[in-house]
């Protein structure tokens, strides 16, 4: 005859971790993720140096003479580039190799849980992006950009962009082999860099290419942030809608097709 106690039948229920213990576990894993990110030189190169290099270089050369103030144009685009670098490339490549070597499978079976692991990875990305934003705004100000309170609402747009690009990165990391994911992430990064309106206006692209670019997340994010930071341009509602669609679809796709081991 079986007995039922506190929702269990004939066996003791698995111990549940308290919310405070789960929070401590996530915090500890976030610290580990951040330390690993800082140790990866290639991640720092993509996440920090390339966006800052684009900002400084294109502000000094006559590549975007069609805009009145190059720095005003570049800062929003470089903020978008930094999000793409961290949320898609750095996160995606690192996760792909962790999957390759069985790290995700082992961590997913620990008391941390897979949900806690994903939370820690997300928090790690957000910490890096905060540092990036401070550096980009600081360098932009040194180059003559007028820092504005509109940076605050722009952070909300960047957060939506983070969700979109993290979804893309995790989808590739969870479906491709590590080497293929590495190549695909870098190729996609370069493609979106050149077609995303981050370093030069989308209007410089051929008409057909511009139409395609505006449907992609890079241009959608760059133009949305630019519309928030520059009131004279007006809010890019169409591009923002495109960005929101990517932010909805890609995480769902990643959750649906992500495989925890090769």
Protein backbone atom coordinates (compact mmCIF):
# COMPACT_ATOMS: atom_id res chain seq x y z
CA UNK A 1 0.00 0.00 0.00
CA UNK A 2 1.56 3.26 -1.08
CA UNK A 3 1.54 6.40 0.99
CA UNK A 4 1.56 9.95 -0.25
CA UNK A 5 3.40 12.61 1.71
CA UNK A 6 3.91 16.18 0.49
CA UNK A 7 3.25 15.27 -3.11
CA UNK A 8 5.47 12.16 -3.25
CA UNK A 9 4.41 8.54 -3.57
CA UNK A 10 6.48 5.89 -1.85
CA UNK A 11 9.73 7.85 -2.17
CA UNK A 12 11.29 10.92 -0.71
CA UNK A 13 10.98 14.04 -2.84
CA UNK A 14 14.16 15.40 -4.36
CA UNK A 15 15.50 18.23 -2.20
CA UNK A 16 14.73 21.64 -3.55
CA UNK A 17 17.19 24.46 -3.36
CA UNK A 18 15.98 27.65 -1.80
CA UNK A 19 15.77 30.79 -3.97
CA UNK A 20 18.70 32.28 -2.08
CA UNK A 21 20.88 29.25 -2.78
CA UNK A 22 19.90 29.27 -6.43
CA UNK A 23 20.76 32.98 -6.60
CA UNK A 24 24.16 32.32 -5.03
CA UNK A 25 24.77 29.54 -7.54
CA UNK A 26 23.92 31.82 -10.45
CA UNK A 27 26.13 34.58 -9.02
CA UNK A 28 29.04 32.16 -8.62
CA UNK A 29 28.64 30.86 -12.19
CA UNK A 30 28.36 34.43 -13.50
CA UNK A 31 31.69 35.20 -11.84
CA UNK A 32 33.23 32.15 -13.51
CA UNK A 33 31.78 33.10 -16.91
CA UNK A 34 33.15 36.63 -16.57
CA UNK A 35 36.60 35.39 -15.57
CA UNK A 36 36.70 33.01 -18.54
CA UNK A 37 35.60 35.78 -20.90
CA UNK A 38 38.33 38.09 -19.65
CA UNK A 39 40.93 35.37 -20.18
CA UNK A 40 39.95 34.85 -23.82
CA UNK A 41 42.03 37.35 -25.76
CA UNK A 42 40.03 36.86 -28.95
CA UNK A 43 36.81 37.64 -27.08
CA UNK A 44 38.24 40.89 -25.77
CA UNK A 45 39.50 41.74 -29.26
CA UNK A 46 36.05 41.30 -30.79
CA UNK A 47 34.09 42.78 -27.90
CA UNK A 48 36.23 45.79 -27.04
CA UNK A 49 38.94 46.72 -29.50
CA UNK A 50 37.13 46.27 -32.81
CA UNK A 51 34.13 48.52 -31.95
CA UNK A 52 36.42 51.20 -30.50
CA UNK A 53 38.72 50.89 -33.50
CA UNK A 54 35.80 51.36 -35.89
CA UNK A 55 34.67 54.44 -33.95
CA UNK A 56 38.10 56.10 -33.94
CA UNK A 57 39.10 55.13 -37.48
CA UNK A 58 35.90 56.12 -39.29
CA UNK A 59 35.65 59.36 -37.33
CA UNK A 60 39.04 60.39 -38.72
CA UNK A 61 38.77 59.33 -42.37
CA UNK A 62 36.58 60.77 -45.09
CA UNK A 63 34.45 57.65 -45.50
CA UNK A 64 31.09 59.04 -44.38
CA UNK A 65 31.25 62.57 -45.69
CA UNK A 66 27.56 62.40 -46.57
CA UNK A 67 26.62 62.91 -42.89
CA UNK A 68 26.94 66.23 -41.13
CA UNK A 69 28.73 64.98 -38.02
CA UNK A 70 30.51 61.60 -38.41
CA UNK A 71 30.83 61.03 -34.64
CA UNK A 72 27.11 61.58 -34.06
CA UNK A 73 26.45 58.98 -36.75
CA UNK A 74 29.11 56.52 -35.57
CA UNK A 75 28.41 56.30 -31.82
CA UNK A 76 24.96 54.64 -32.17
CA UNK A 77 26.26 52.28 -34.85
CA UNK A 78 29.27 51.27 -32.78
CA UNK A 79 27.05 50.63 -29.75
CA UNK A 80 25.05 48.26 -31.95
CA UNK A 81 28.29 46.69 -33.21
CA UNK A 82 29.43 46.08 -29.63
CA UNK A 83 26.19 44.27 -28.83
CA UNK A 84 26.56 42.10 -31.92
CA UNK A 85 30.19 41.34 -31.05
CA UNK A 86 29.43 40.22 -27.51
CA UNK A 87 25.96 38.68 -27.70
CA UNK A 88 26.40 36.84 -31.00
CA UNK A 89 30.10 36.23 -31.67
CA UNK A 90 31.75 35.92 -28.25
CA UNK A 91 28.85 34.14 -26.56
CA UNK A 92 28.10 31.92 -29.54
CA UNK A 93 31.67 30.77 -30.18
CA UNK A 94 32.41 30.13 -26.51
CA UNK A 95 29.17 28.21 -26.04
CA UNK A 96 29.85 26.16 -29.17
CA UNK A 97 33.20 24.93 -27.86
CA UNK A 98 31.76 24.31 -24.39
CA UNK A 99 29.17 22.12 -26.08
CA UNK A 100 31.89 20.40 -28.12
CA UNK A 101 33.89 19.43 -25.05
CA UNK A 102 30.88 18.34 -22.98
CA UNK A 103 31.02 21.25 -20.54
CA UNK A 104 27.35 22.16 -21.06
CA UNK A 105 26.22 18.59 -20.52
CA UNK A 106 28.11 18.33 -17.24
CA UNK A 107 27.02 21.75 -15.98
CA UNK A 108 23.43 21.05 -16.96
CA UNK A 109 23.35 18.08 -14.60
CA UNK A 110 24.63 20.03 -11.58
CA UNK A 111 22.41 21.71 -8.98
CA UNK A 112 22.94 24.96 -10.88
CA UNK A 113 20.51 23.68 -13.57
CA UNK A 114 20.57 24.56 -17.22
CA UNK A 115 18.30 27.53 -16.63
CA UNK A 116 20.75 28.88 -14.09
CA UNK A 117 23.60 28.36 -16.53
CA UNK A 118 21.79 30.33 -19.25
CA UNK A 119 20.99 33.07 -16.73
CA UNK A 120 24.66 33.30 -15.75
CA UNK A 121 25.72 33.51 -19.40
CA UNK A 122 23.18 36.26 -20.02
CA UNK A 123 24.36 38.25 -17.00
CA UNK A 124 27.95 37.87 -18.17
CA UNK A 125 27.02 39.34 -21.57
CA UNK A 126 25.21 42.25 -19.91
CA UNK A 127 28.21 43.04 -17.67
CA UNK A 128 30.54 43.12 -20.70
CA UNK A 129 28.08 45.31 -22.60
CA UNK A 130 27.89 47.80 -19.74
CA UNK A 131 31.67 48.16 -19.86
CA UNK A 132 31.54 48.50 -23.64
CA UNK A 133 28.88 51.21 -23.44
CA UNK A 134 30.88 53.24 -20.93
CA UNK A 135 34.02 52.99 -23.08
CA UNK A 136 32.24 53.84 -26.33
CA UNK A 137 30.40 56.80 -24.83
CA UNK A 138 33.64 58.00 -23.25
CA UNK A 139 35.63 57.73 -26.46
CA UNK A 140 32.76 59.31 -28.39
CA UNK A 141 32.73 62.24 -25.99
CA UNK A 142 36.49 62.63 -26.42
CA UNK A 143 35.95 62.75 -30.18
CA UNK A 144 33.33 65.49 -29.82
CA UNK A 145 30.06 63.63 -29.30
CA UNK A 146 27.63 65.43 -26.97
CA UNK A 147 26.61 62.95 -24.30
CA UNK A 148 22.85 63.10 -23.87
CA UNK A 149 20.29 61.72 -21.44
CA UNK A 150 18.88 59.83 -24.41
CA UNK A 151 21.57 57.23 -23.75
CA UNK A 152 19.25 55.88 -21.04
CA UNK A 153 16.31 54.93 -23.31
CA UNK A 154 18.84 53.77 -25.90
CA UNK A 155 19.95 51.15 -23.39
CA UNK A 156 16.49 49.59 -23.63
CA UNK A 157 16.87 49.26 -27.39
CA UNK A 158 20.33 47.75 -26.93
CA UNK A 159 18.84 45.23 -24.50
CA UNK A 160 16.34 44.11 -27.14
CA UNK A 161 19.20 43.84 -29.59
CA UNK A 162 21.09 41.72 -27.09
CA UNK A 163 18.19 39.28 -26.93
CA UNK A 164 18.08 39.06 -30.74
CA UNK A 165 21.80 38.53 -31.25
CA UNK A 166 22.16 36.17 -28.29
CA UNK A 167 19.39 34.09 -29.85
CA UNK A 168 21.30 33.97 -33.15
CA UNK A 169 24.54 33.07 -31.39
CA UNK A 170 22.96 30.34 -29.28
CA UNK A 171 21.08 28.92 -32.27
CA UNK A 172 24.32 28.51 -34.23
CA UNK A 173 26.21 27.24 -31.17
CA UNK A 174 23.53 24.66 -30.43
CA UNK A 175 23.06 23.29 -33.95
CA UNK A 176 26.46 23.48 -35.66
CA UNK A 177 29.71 21.70 -34.89
CA UNK A 178 32.19 23.92 -33.06
CA UNK A 179 34.43 24.56 -36.06
CA UNK A 180 31.50 25.27 -38.37
CA UNK A 181 30.00 27.56 -35.74
CA UNK A 182 33.29 29.46 -35.46
CA UNK A 183 33.44 30.03 -39.21
CA UNK A 184 29.74 30.89 -39.51
CA UNK A 185 29.78 33.35 -36.61
CA UNK A 186 32.78 35.24 -37.98
CA UNK A 187 31.41 35.28 -41.52
CA UNK A 188 28.02 36.51 -40.36
CA UNK A 189 29.71 39.15 -38.19
CA UNK A 190 31.62 40.56 -41.15
CA UNK A 191 28.55 40.45 -43.40
CA UNK A 192 26.38 42.30 -40.87
CA UNK A 193 29.18 44.77 -40.14
CA UNK A 194 29.34 45.80 -43.79
CA UNK A 195 25.57 45.77 -44.37
CA UNK A 196 24.36 46.99 -40.99
CA UNK A 197 24.77 50.75 -41.43
CA UNK A 198 27.10 50.82 -38.44
CA UNK A 199 30.13 52.53 -39.98
CA UNK A 200 28.56 54.18 -43.03
CA UNK A 201 25.00 55.06 -44.10
CA UNK A 202 22.72 52.38 -45.49
CA UNK A 203 21.93 54.73 -48.37
CA UNK A 204 25.42 54.08 -49.72
CA UNK A 205 24.43 50.48 -50.46
CA UNK A 206 22.83 49.51 -53.78
CA UNK A 207 19.04 49.78 -53.59
CA UNK A 208 18.44 46.03 -53.50
CA UNK A 209 21.14 45.48 -50.88
CA UNK A 210 19.72 48.29 -48.75
CA UNK A 211 16.28 46.70 -48.80
CA UNK A 212 17.71 43.38 -47.63
CA UNK A 213 19.91 45.07 -45.01
CA UNK A 214 16.96 46.85 -43.42
CA UNK A 215 15.30 43.50 -42.82
CA UNK A 216 18.34 42.20 -40.90
CA UNK A 217 18.96 42.69 -37.16
CA UNK A 218 22.20 44.68 -37.47
CA UNK A 219 20.70 47.56 -39.44
CA UNK A 220 17.50 47.37 -37.40
CA UNK A 221 19.44 47.80 -34.16
CA UNK A 222 21.81 50.51 -35.45
CA UNK A 223 19.00 52.59 -36.95
CA UNK A 224 16.79 52.17 -33.87
CA UNK A 225 19.55 53.33 -31.52
CA UNK A 226 20.41 56.18 -33.90
CA UNK A 227 16.78 57.28 -33.93
CA UNK A 228 16.68 57.40 -30.13
CA UNK A 229 19.98 59.26 -29.72
CA UNK A 230 19.31 61.76 -32.52
CA UNK A 231 15.85 63.34 -32.14
CA UNK A 232 16.34 65.18 -35.41
CA UNK A 233 16.17 61.89 -37.30
CA UNK A 234 12.92 60.75 -35.71
CA UNK A 235 12.32 57.37 -34.12
CA UNK A 236 12.88 54.51 -36.58
CA UNK A 237 9.63 52.69 -35.85
CA UNK A 238 9.92 50.36 -38.85
CA UNK A 239 13.44 49.25 -37.96
CA UNK A 240 12.44 48.89 -34.31
CA UNK A 241 9.59 46.57 -35.29
CA UNK A 242 12.04 44.47 -37.32
CA UNK A 243 14.38 44.31 -34.32
CA UNK A 244 11.56 43.17 -32.02
CA UNK A 245 10.64 40.39 -34.46
CA UNK A 246 14.23 39.12 -34.46
CA UNK A 247 14.32 39.36 -30.64
CA UNK A 248 11.18 37.22 -30.45
CA UNK A 249 11.93 34.64 -33.12
CA UNK A 250 15.62 33.87 -32.57
CA UNK A 251 15.51 32.94 -28.85
CA UNK A 252 12.48 30.72 -29.55
CA UNK A 253 14.36 29.06 -32.40
CA UNK A 254 17.42 28.57 -30.19
CA UNK A 255 15.29 27.04 -27.44
CA UNK A 256 13.61 24.74 -29.95
CA UNK A 257 16.67 23.42 -31.78
CA UNK A 258 19.53 23.82 -29.29
CA UNK A 259 21.28 20.53 -28.61
CA UNK A 260 23.33 20.30 -25.44
CA UNK A 261 25.95 18.00 -26.96
CA UNK A 262 27.30 17.26 -30.44
